Protein backbone atom coordinates (compact mmCIF):
# COMPACT_ATOMS: atom_id res chain seq x y z
CA MET A 1 -25.22 -30.80 -65.61
CA GLU A 2 -25.42 -29.57 -69.07
CA ASN A 3 -24.90 -32.07 -71.93
CA GLN A 4 -22.12 -31.54 -74.24
CA GLN A 5 -23.03 -32.13 -77.91
CA LEU A 6 -20.82 -32.70 -80.91
CA VAL A 7 -21.86 -30.86 -84.03
CA GLU A 8 -22.21 -33.13 -86.99
CA ILE A 9 -21.31 -32.07 -90.46
CA ASN A 10 -21.90 -33.79 -93.74
CA LEU A 11 -18.29 -34.32 -95.07
CA ASP A 12 -19.19 -35.95 -98.50
CA SER A 13 -18.45 -32.93 -100.46
CA GLU A 14 -15.01 -32.42 -98.95
CA ILE A 15 -14.27 -36.07 -99.29
CA ASP A 16 -15.41 -35.64 -103.17
CA ILE A 17 -13.22 -32.75 -103.37
CA ILE A 18 -10.06 -34.54 -102.11
CA LYS A 19 -10.71 -37.70 -104.28
CA SER A 20 -11.01 -35.89 -107.60
CA ASN A 21 -8.49 -32.91 -107.06
CA VAL A 22 -5.79 -34.18 -104.67
CA THR A 23 -3.69 -36.21 -107.30
CA PRO A 24 -3.32 -33.42 -110.31
CA ILE A 25 -2.83 -30.55 -107.70
CA LEU A 26 -0.17 -32.59 -105.64
CA ASN A 27 1.72 -33.44 -109.08
CA THR A 28 1.57 -29.88 -110.33
CA HIS A 29 2.74 -28.63 -106.83
CA ARG A 30 5.62 -31.02 -106.93
CA GLU A 31 6.66 -30.15 -110.43
CA ARG A 32 6.78 -26.52 -109.73
CA VAL A 33 8.77 -26.82 -106.56
CA ARG A 34 11.08 -29.24 -108.21
CA ARG A 35 11.63 -26.40 -111.03
CA ALA A 36 11.93 -23.53 -108.57
CA LEU A 37 14.65 -25.54 -106.86
CA ASN A 38 16.55 -26.16 -109.87
CA ALA A 39 16.43 -22.40 -110.73
CA GLY A 40 17.95 -21.71 -107.37
CA SER A 41 20.61 -24.16 -107.59
CA GLY A 42 21.81 -22.54 -110.91
CA ILE A 43 22.07 -19.27 -109.04
CA ILE A 44 24.34 -21.08 -106.34
CA LYS A 45 26.45 -22.61 -109.09
CA GLN A 46 26.88 -19.31 -110.83
CA LEU A 47 28.02 -17.87 -107.37
CA GLU A 48 30.39 -20.82 -106.88
CA ALA A 49 31.81 -20.30 -110.60
CA ALA A 50 32.65 -16.77 -109.61
CA GLY A 51 34.65 -17.99 -106.81
CA GLY A 52 32.07 -17.17 -104.05
CA GLU A 53 32.23 -13.44 -104.83
CA ILE A 54 28.96 -11.89 -105.50
CA THR A 55 28.43 -9.50 -108.51
CA GLN A 56 25.77 -7.12 -109.29
CA GLU A 57 24.59 -9.71 -111.97
CA ILE A 58 24.40 -12.55 -109.53
CA ASP A 59 22.53 -10.13 -106.95
CA ALA A 60 20.22 -9.10 -109.81
CA ASN A 61 19.53 -12.81 -110.54
CA ALA A 62 19.09 -13.69 -106.95
CA ASN A 63 16.49 -10.87 -106.39
CA ASN A 64 14.47 -11.81 -109.30
CA TYR A 65 14.66 -15.45 -108.37
CA LEU A 66 13.31 -14.78 -104.75
CA LEU A 67 10.64 -12.44 -106.15
CA LYS A 68 9.44 -15.23 -108.30
CA ILE A 69 9.57 -17.66 -105.31
CA GLY A 70 7.44 -15.28 -103.49
CA ILE A 71 4.73 -15.36 -106.07
CA ALA A 72 5.10 -18.94 -106.95
CA THR A 73 4.59 -19.88 -103.24
CA LYS A 74 1.42 -17.71 -103.09
CA GLU A 75 0.08 -19.43 -106.13
CA LEU A 76 0.99 -23.06 -104.66
CA LEU A 77 -1.00 -22.06 -101.49
CA THR A 78 -3.86 -20.65 -103.49
CA SER A 79 -4.13 -23.87 -105.85
CA ARG A 80 -4.00 -26.34 -102.72
CA GLN A 81 -6.04 -24.37 -100.43
CA GLU A 82 -9.41 -26.08 -101.40
CA ILE A 83 -8.01 -29.56 -100.58
CA THR A 84 -6.15 -28.62 -97.33
CA GLN A 85 -9.26 -26.77 -96.12
CA ALA A 86 -11.19 -30.05 -96.83
CA PHE A 87 -8.56 -32.13 -94.92
CA ASP A 88 -8.59 -29.38 -92.10
CA LEU A 89 -12.23 -29.93 -91.71
CA LEU A 90 -12.06 -33.55 -91.89
CA LYS A 91 -9.22 -33.54 -89.31
CA LYS A 92 -11.19 -31.09 -87.14
CA GLN A 93 -14.11 -33.50 -86.90
CA PHE A 94 -11.96 -36.03 -85.33
CA THR A 95 -9.95 -33.64 -83.17
CA GLU A 96 -13.05 -31.91 -81.76
CA GLY A 97 -14.30 -35.54 -80.82
CA GLU A 98 -11.20 -36.18 -79.02
CA ASN A 99 -11.05 -32.88 -77.50
CA SER A 100 -14.55 -33.58 -76.02
CA LEU A 101 -13.18 -36.38 -74.30
CA ASP A 102 -9.93 -34.67 -72.83
CA ALA A 103 -10.16 -34.56 -69.22
CA LYS A 104 -7.58 -31.84 -69.23
CA LYS A 105 -9.54 -29.17 -71.31
CA ALA A 106 -11.71 -26.89 -69.32
CA GLY A 107 -15.49 -27.19 -70.22
CA THR A 108 -15.64 -30.82 -71.27
CA ILE A 109 -17.52 -33.47 -69.46
CA PRO A 110 -14.54 -35.55 -68.22
CA TYR A 111 -12.90 -32.37 -67.20
CA LYS A 112 -15.88 -31.56 -64.99
CA ILE A 113 -15.84 -34.89 -63.57
CA GLN A 114 -12.23 -34.76 -63.02
CA VAL A 115 -12.66 -31.44 -61.06
CA ILE A 116 -15.25 -33.46 -58.83
CA ARG A 117 -12.71 -36.01 -58.11
CA ASN A 118 -9.93 -33.60 -57.54
CA GLU A 119 -12.07 -31.90 -54.99
CA TYR A 120 -13.07 -35.07 -53.31
CA ALA A 121 -9.31 -36.11 -53.26
CA LYS A 122 -8.47 -32.95 -51.76
CA GLN A 123 -11.13 -33.14 -49.00
CA CYS A 124 -10.06 -36.72 -48.22
CA ALA A 125 -6.38 -35.67 -48.22
CA GLU A 126 -7.25 -32.65 -45.85
CA LYS A 127 -9.50 -34.84 -43.72
CA GLU A 128 -6.46 -37.41 -43.48
CA LYS A 129 -3.80 -34.62 -42.75
CA MET A 130 -6.02 -33.27 -39.91
CA ARG A 131 -6.49 -36.71 -38.69
CA LEU A 132 -2.81 -37.36 -38.59
CA ALA A 133 -2.04 -34.00 -37.09
CA GLU A 134 -4.22 -34.69 -34.29
CA ILE A 135 -2.66 -38.04 -33.70
CA ALA A 136 0.77 -36.48 -33.81
CA LYS A 137 -0.42 -33.59 -31.44
CA GLN A 138 -1.71 -36.45 -28.95
CA ALA A 139 1.51 -38.32 -29.59
CA ARG A 140 3.56 -35.21 -28.56
CA LYS A 141 1.20 -34.75 -25.46
CA LYS A 142 1.48 -38.43 -24.57
CA GLU A 143 5.35 -38.19 -24.84
CA GLU A 144 5.33 -35.02 -22.70
CA GLY A 145 3.10 -36.97 -20.26
CA ILE A 146 5.62 -39.71 -20.13
CA ASN A 147 8.64 -37.24 -19.64
CA ILE A 148 6.74 -35.47 -16.87
CA LYS A 149 6.08 -38.52 -14.95
CA LYS A 150 9.76 -39.62 -15.45
CA GLU A 151 11.33 -36.23 -14.36
CA ILE A 152 8.88 -36.13 -11.23
CA GLU A 153 9.91 -39.94 -10.38
CA LEU A 154 13.54 -39.03 -10.79
CA GLN A 155 13.42 -35.89 -8.82
CA LEU A 156 11.44 -37.67 -6.14
CA SER A 157 13.92 -40.52 -6.08
CA LYS A 158 16.76 -37.84 -5.46
CA PHE A 159 14.78 -35.98 -2.86
CA PHE A 160 13.96 -39.26 -0.97
CA ASN A 161 17.44 -40.80 -1.05
CA THR A 162 18.92 -37.32 0.07
CA TYR A 163 16.56 -37.35 3.06
CA LEU A 164 17.16 -41.04 3.82
CA LEU A 165 20.76 -40.58 3.71
CA ASN A 166 20.67 -37.71 6.17
CA GLN A 167 18.42 -39.67 8.39
CA LYS A 168 20.92 -42.66 8.37
CA ILE A 169 23.96 -40.45 9.05
CA THR A 170 22.08 -38.52 11.88
CA TYR A 171 21.12 -41.97 13.39
CA THR A 172 24.65 -43.43 12.94
CA ASN A 173 26.08 -40.20 14.52
CA LYS A 174 23.88 -40.52 17.49
CA PHE A 175 25.49 -43.94 17.85
CA ASN A 176 28.89 -42.50 17.48
CA SER A 177 28.11 -40.03 20.32
CA ILE A 178 27.46 -42.60 22.88
CA THR A 179 29.68 -42.25 26.11
CA LEU A 180 30.84 -45.04 28.29
CA GLU A 181 28.30 -43.46 31.09
CA SER A 182 25.48 -43.31 28.70
CA PHE A 183 26.57 -46.85 26.95
CA GLU A 184 23.84 -49.07 28.85
CA SER A 185 20.86 -46.43 28.27
CA GLU A 186 21.75 -45.61 24.67
CA THR A 187 22.18 -49.13 23.47
CA LYS A 188 19.01 -50.39 25.23
CA TRP A 189 17.28 -47.47 23.16
CA PHE A 190 18.92 -48.50 19.88
CA GLU A 191 17.70 -52.10 20.75
CA ASN A 192 14.13 -51.28 21.51
CA TYR A 193 13.46 -48.49 19.05
CA LYS A 194 12.02 -49.86 15.99
CA SER A 195 9.33 -47.38 15.08
CA PHE A 196 10.85 -45.87 11.81
CA ALA A 197 8.05 -43.86 10.12
CA TYR A 198 8.68 -41.69 7.03
CA LYS A 199 6.68 -38.74 7.98
CA LEU A 200 3.90 -37.40 5.61
CA SER A 201 4.90 -34.03 6.60
CA GLU A 202 8.43 -34.76 5.24
CA PHE A 203 7.09 -36.22 2.05
CA GLN A 204 4.85 -33.34 1.16
CA LYS A 205 7.94 -31.05 1.25
CA PHE A 206 8.64 -32.31 -2.36
CA ALA A 207 8.26 -29.77 -4.91
CA PRO A 208 9.51 -30.75 -8.32
CA LYS A 209 10.41 -28.52 -11.26
CA VAL A 210 9.27 -29.84 -14.49
CA ILE A 211 8.75 -27.85 -17.65
CA HIS A 212 5.54 -28.71 -19.65
CA ASN A 213 3.90 -26.95 -22.59
CA LEU A 214 1.17 -29.42 -23.86
CA HIS A 215 -0.26 -30.18 -20.48
CA THR A 216 -2.47 -27.64 -18.54
CA GLU A 217 -1.71 -26.89 -14.70
CA GLU A 218 -4.70 -29.20 -13.88
CA GLU A 219 -3.51 -32.09 -16.02
CA TYR A 220 0.08 -31.64 -14.63
CA SER A 221 -1.38 -31.64 -11.17
CA LYS A 222 -3.34 -34.93 -11.70
CA ILE A 223 -0.16 -36.58 -12.83
CA PHE A 224 1.89 -35.18 -9.68
CA VAL A 225 -0.88 -36.29 -7.31
CA SER A 226 -1.15 -39.59 -8.71
CA ILE A 227 2.65 -40.43 -8.42
CA MET A 228 2.55 -38.78 -4.79
CA ASN A 229 -0.15 -41.24 -3.92
CA ASP A 230 1.27 -44.21 -5.54
CA GLN A 231 4.86 -43.58 -4.20
CA TYR A 232 4.20 -42.60 -0.57
CA PRO A 233 3.48 -46.13 0.58
CA ILE A 234 6.19 -47.48 -1.37
CA LEU A 235 8.73 -45.19 -0.02
CA SER A 236 7.46 -45.42 3.52
CA GLU A 237 8.05 -49.12 3.65
CA THR A 238 11.59 -48.56 1.87
CA TYR A 239 12.54 -45.97 4.73
CA LYS A 240 11.37 -48.17 7.43
CA SER A 241 13.28 -51.20 5.92
CA GLU A 242 16.44 -49.10 5.31
CA MET A 243 16.29 -47.66 8.89
CA LEU A 244 15.77 -51.05 10.42
CA LYS A 245 18.74 -52.46 8.43
CA THR A 246 20.94 -49.36 9.78
CA ARG A 247 19.68 -50.13 13.25
CA GLU A 248 20.73 -53.93 13.09
CA GLU A 249 24.26 -52.74 11.51
CA ILE A 250 24.64 -50.58 14.73
CA VAL A 251 23.53 -53.24 17.14
CA ILE A 252 26.00 -55.61 15.84
CA GLN A 253 28.79 -52.84 16.52
CA PHE A 254 27.70 -52.63 20.43
CA GLN A 255 30.46 -54.83 21.94
CA SER A 256 33.17 -53.25 19.68
CA LYS A 257 31.88 -49.73 20.62
CA GLN A 258 32.15 -50.73 24.25
CA ASN A 259 35.82 -51.90 23.92
CA GLU A 260 36.64 -48.61 22.25
CA LEU A 261 34.87 -46.52 24.97
CA ILE A 262 36.56 -48.73 27.76
CA LYS A 263 39.90 -48.21 26.02
CA ILE A 264 39.28 -44.45 26.00
CA ALA A 265 38.26 -44.34 29.42
CA GLU A 266 41.49 -46.16 30.43
CA PHE A 267 43.56 -43.74 28.54
CA GLU A 268 41.82 -41.03 30.18
CA ALA A 269 42.24 -42.56 33.75
CA GLU A 270 45.96 -43.23 32.85
CA GLN A 271 46.33 -39.48 31.95
CA ILE A 272 44.90 -38.33 35.14
CA LYS A 273 47.08 -40.64 37.18
CA ILE A 274 50.00 -39.11 35.24
CA GLU A 275 48.98 -35.71 36.10
CA GLU A 276 48.42 -36.44 39.61
CA GLU A 277 51.66 -37.88 39.86
CA LYS A 278 53.30 -35.00 38.08
CA LEU A 279 51.89 -32.71 40.92
CA ARG A 280 52.75 -34.76 43.74
CA ILE A 281 56.46 -34.68 42.25
CA GLU A 282 56.36 -30.97 41.92
CA LYS A 283 54.97 -30.52 45.53
CA GLU A 284 57.67 -32.82 47.04
CA LYS A 285 60.61 -31.15 45.10
CA GLN A 286 59.80 -27.97 47.00
CA THR A 287 60.81 -29.57 50.47
CA ALA A 288 63.12 -32.53 49.36
CA ASN A 289 67.06 -32.40 49.90
CA ALA A 290 69.52 -32.82 47.12
CA ALA A 291 69.68 -36.54 47.09
CA ARG A 292 65.63 -36.77 46.95
CA GLN A 293 65.74 -33.92 44.36
CA LYS A 294 67.82 -36.17 42.08
CA GLU A 295 65.17 -39.08 42.52
CA LEU A 296 62.37 -36.84 41.76
CA GLU A 297 63.89 -35.44 38.77
CA ALA A 298 64.39 -38.84 37.49
CA LEU A 299 60.70 -39.79 38.25
CA ARG A 300 59.53 -36.41 36.48
CA LEU A 301 61.27 -37.62 33.45
CA ASP A 302 59.96 -41.14 33.46
CA ASN A 303 56.41 -39.49 34.13
CA GLU A 304 56.85 -37.27 31.17
CA VAL A 305 57.68 -40.33 28.95
CA LYS A 306 54.52 -42.02 30.18
CA GLU A 307 52.54 -38.91 29.60
CA LYS A 308 53.62 -38.51 26.05
CA GLN A 309 53.05 -42.21 25.28
CA ALA A 310 49.43 -42.02 27.14
CA LYS A 311 48.38 -38.86 24.71
CA GLU A 312 50.17 -40.83 21.73
CA GLN A 313 47.78 -43.56 22.43
CA ALA A 314 44.82 -41.38 23.10
CA ALA A 315 45.57 -39.54 19.81
CA THR A 316 45.95 -42.86 17.97
CA GLN A 317 42.67 -44.17 19.39
CA ALA A 318 40.78 -40.87 18.64
CA ALA A 319 42.13 -40.82 14.94
CA ALA A 320 41.14 -44.50 14.75
CA THR A 321 37.52 -43.91 16.06
CA LYS A 322 37.20 -40.86 13.68
CA GLU A 323 38.52 -43.06 10.67
CA ARG A 324 36.02 -45.56 11.48
CA GLU A 325 33.25 -43.25 11.41
CA ARG A 326 34.28 -41.55 8.46
CA ILE A 327 34.44 -45.01 6.63
CA GLU A 328 31.14 -45.99 7.83
CA ASN A 329 29.37 -42.84 6.69
CA GLU A 330 31.13 -43.07 3.33
CA ARG A 331 29.88 -46.72 3.05
CA ILE A 332 26.39 -45.54 3.89
CA ALA A 333 26.46 -42.64 1.33
CA ALA A 334 28.06 -45.07 -1.29
CA GLU A 335 25.33 -47.51 -0.57
CA GLN A 336 22.73 -45.03 -0.93
CA ALA A 337 24.11 -43.75 -4.13
CA ALA A 338 24.15 -47.01 -5.76
CA LYS A 339 20.43 -47.53 -4.72
CA GLU A 340 19.58 -44.02 -6.24
CA LYS A 341 21.45 -45.03 -9.41
CA GLU A 342 19.53 -48.23 -9.52
CA THR A 343 16.20 -46.69 -9.16
CA THR A 344 17.32 -43.92 -11.66
CA ASN A 345 17.97 -46.74 -14.25
CA THR A 346 14.71 -48.33 -13.52
CA ILE A 347 12.85 -45.04 -14.00
CA GLU A 348 14.67 -44.27 -17.35
CA LEU A 349 14.12 -47.66 -18.66
CA ALA A 350 10.26 -47.67 -17.98
CA GLY A 351 10.31 -44.33 -19.63
CA GLN A 352 11.97 -45.37 -22.74
CA GLN A 353 9.39 -48.52 -22.71
CA ALA A 354 6.56 -46.21 -22.39
CA SER A 355 7.81 -43.92 -25.25
CA ILE A 356 8.34 -47.08 -27.50
CA LEU A 357 4.97 -48.39 -26.67
CA SER A 358 3.39 -44.92 -27.35
CA MET A 359 5.06 -44.73 -30.72
CA PHE A 360 3.88 -48.11 -31.64
CA GLU A 361 0.35 -47.16 -30.65
CA GLY A 362 0.55 -44.10 -32.71
CA GLU A 363 1.49 -46.00 -35.75
CA VAL A 364 -1.27 -48.52 -35.22
CA GLU A 365 -3.69 -45.60 -34.79
CA LYS A 366 -2.61 -44.09 -38.04
CA SER A 367 -3.04 -47.27 -39.95
CA ILE A 368 -6.44 -48.91 -38.44
CA ASN A 369 -8.50 -45.57 -38.77
CA ALA A 370 -6.95 -44.19 -41.87
CA ILE A 371 -9.60 -42.27 -44.13
CA GLU A 372 -10.52 -44.21 -47.30
CA GLN A 373 -9.63 -42.03 -50.27
CA PRO A 374 -8.72 -42.27 -54.01
CA LYS A 375 -5.46 -42.86 -55.47
CA MET A 376 -3.93 -39.43 -56.13
CA ARG A 377 -0.74 -37.56 -56.94
CA GLU A 378 -0.09 -34.81 -54.39
CA GLY A 379 1.83 -31.59 -55.59
CA PHE A 380 1.59 -27.90 -55.38
CA GLU A 381 0.01 -25.18 -57.62
CA ILE A 382 1.54 -21.78 -57.19
CA LYS A 383 -0.98 -18.76 -57.20
CA VAL A 384 1.04 -15.54 -58.16
CA HIS A 385 -0.03 -12.36 -56.29
CA ASP A 386 2.50 -9.91 -57.51
CA ILE A 387 4.50 -9.71 -60.82
CA SER A 388 7.81 -9.76 -58.79
CA ALA A 389 7.03 -13.40 -57.84
CA TYR A 390 8.43 -14.48 -61.22
CA LEU A 391 11.70 -12.64 -60.41
CA GLU A 392 11.94 -15.08 -57.39
CA LEU A 393 10.86 -18.03 -59.36
CA PHE A 394 13.17 -17.34 -62.21
CA THR A 395 16.03 -16.93 -59.64
CA TYR A 396 15.05 -20.11 -57.80
CA TRP A 397 14.78 -22.06 -61.09
CA TYR A 398 18.05 -20.65 -62.46
CA LYS A 399 19.93 -21.66 -59.21
CA ASP A 400 18.41 -25.22 -58.95
CA GLU A 401 18.34 -26.08 -62.68
CA GLY A 402 19.24 -23.45 -65.21
CA VAL A 403 22.83 -22.86 -64.21
CA GLY A 404 23.45 -26.28 -65.29
CA LEU A 405 22.00 -26.06 -68.95
CA THR A 406 24.04 -25.61 -71.93
CA VAL A 407 23.79 -22.31 -73.91
CA GLU A 408 21.46 -24.24 -76.67
CA LYS A 409 19.11 -25.69 -73.91
CA MET A 410 18.88 -22.41 -72.38
CA ASP A 411 18.20 -20.59 -75.54
CA LYS A 412 15.30 -22.85 -76.28
CA LYS A 413 13.69 -22.09 -73.03
CA LEU A 414 14.52 -18.34 -73.01
CA ASP A 415 14.93 -17.25 -76.82
CA PHE A 416 12.02 -14.89 -76.13
CA VAL A 417 14.16 -13.00 -73.87
CA ARG A 418 17.13 -12.95 -76.36
CA LYS A 419 14.89 -11.70 -79.18
CA TYR A 420 13.44 -8.95 -77.21
CA ALA A 421 16.82 -7.49 -76.34
CA GLU A 422 17.80 -7.82 -80.32
CA LYS A 423 14.34 -6.06 -81.28
CA ILE A 424 15.07 -3.19 -78.93
CA ALA A 425 18.82 -2.77 -79.91
CA SER A 426 17.64 -2.86 -83.60
CA LYS A 427 15.34 0.29 -82.73
CA ASP A 428 17.81 2.03 -80.58
CA GLU A 429 21.40 1.23 -80.35
CA SER A 430 21.61 3.07 -77.16
CA LYS A 431 19.93 0.41 -75.43
CA ILE A 432 22.62 -2.19 -76.34
CA ILE A 433 23.56 -3.89 -72.92
CA LYS A 434 27.36 -4.12 -72.17
CA SER A 435 28.17 -7.63 -70.88
CA LYS A 436 30.97 -10.00 -70.69
CA SER A 437 28.43 -12.87 -70.96
CA PHE A 438 26.99 -12.11 -74.53
CA SER A 439 27.57 -9.62 -77.35
CA TYR A 440 25.71 -8.26 -80.33
CA GLU A 441 26.57 -9.32 -83.97
CA PRO A 442 25.21 -7.05 -86.53
CA ILE A 443 23.02 -8.80 -89.25
CA TYR A 444 21.90 -7.59 -92.63
CA LYS A 445 18.86 -8.90 -94.68
CA ALA A 446 18.33 -8.08 -98.50
CA ILE A 447 14.77 -6.90 -99.48
CA ASN A 448 13.59 -8.38 -102.53
CA LYS A 449 11.77 -5.92 -104.94
C-alpha cells in the first residue's frame, strides 16, 4: 500500500507578512468601511427627508455612491490580499493534515483502512445472514415435519376410531340379533371368543392426505412409515382391549336378553293361540244354532280384545328392545367419540410442545454459533440506474417528509428549483407556469454606471 506524504512548506515568510502588515492594513480597512457606511447613511437620511420619495437627484447620488462602493470594495480586497493569502496558506497546512486523517475522504490512508473494515463487516454480515437464513429454513422444515407428524397421527386416530366403532356396532348388532332358538349357541360363542386382533390388512388401508412443501416424497414417506410402525402395536392392543371390554358388557346382558326373548316368545305364542281360537270360532259359527251363535259372538269379541292387547304388548316390547339397542349404540358411539377427542387433544398438545421446543432450539442455535463480527451500523446505499429514479425518490420523500415542511424549510432544500423557474421566466415570459400554489412577482434591479 502506498504511503501518503504531506508536503511541508516553509511558512516563515507568510508569518512575517502577517506580523508586519496585518495591523496597519486592518486599521485602514476598517476606516474606509466606516466612511463608506456613513456616506450611505447620509443618502438614506436624504431619502427620509424627502418623505421616502426618490428624486432624480437622490437616484444620481445613490448611483454615484454604489459605483464608488464597487471601486472601494475592489481596492479593499487588493489591499488585504497578501495577508489573507498568507492566512489561507497557513490554514491550508492545518486542514491538509487534518484531511489526510479523514476516514471519509477518498484516497486517504484512514479511508482505505475504513474501506477494508467495511468490506470485512459486509462479509461477516452476509455470512451471518446466510447462517440465520439457513437456520430459519431448517426451522420451517422442522416445523413442517412436526405438522406432518401431527396431521398423520390425527387422521390415523380418526381412521382407527371409525373402524373400531364400526366393529363394536357390528359386534353389538350380532348380539342384538340373537333369537331364543340360537341363544344357547350364540352366547357360548360370545363367552368363548376372545381372539380380537386388529388385522394388518385393515390398518394398511390408511392413506392420509397431508400437504407438504419443504419435505421430499422420500422424507415424507419416512415420517409416515415411522408413525405406522410405531402405532400398529399400540392400536392393536387398544383394539383388543376395547373389543374385550365390549364383549364383557355383552356377556353381562345375557340374562336380561334371555328374559327379553322369552317375553317375545310368550307374546308370539299368545298371538298364535288367539289366532287358533279365532279360526275355531269362525268354523263353529257355520253350524251353530242361534243361541250358540250369540255365545260365539261374545267369544269372538273377547278374543279380539285379547288379540289387540297381545299386539300392543308385542309392539311395546319390540319398541323397548329397539330403544335399548339405539341407546346402547349411541352410548358406544359417544364413548368412542370422547376417546377420539382425548387422543386428538393429546396429539395437539404434543405438537405444540414440539413446536415450542423447536423454536427454543432454533434461538439457541442462533446464539451459540453466531459469527463474530465488528460492531457496525447497517443501512442501504441506493444505486441509481436511470434518471427517472429521482422522480420516484422525490415523490417518496415528498409524501413521507416534504409534505409536512413549512414553505421556508422547503425553500432551503429546493430553492434551486424555484430559481431555475425564475431564470427561465425572465428569459421567456411564455414559460411562466400557471399555478394556484405560487405566483410570479416582477422584480427590478437598477444598474450602476
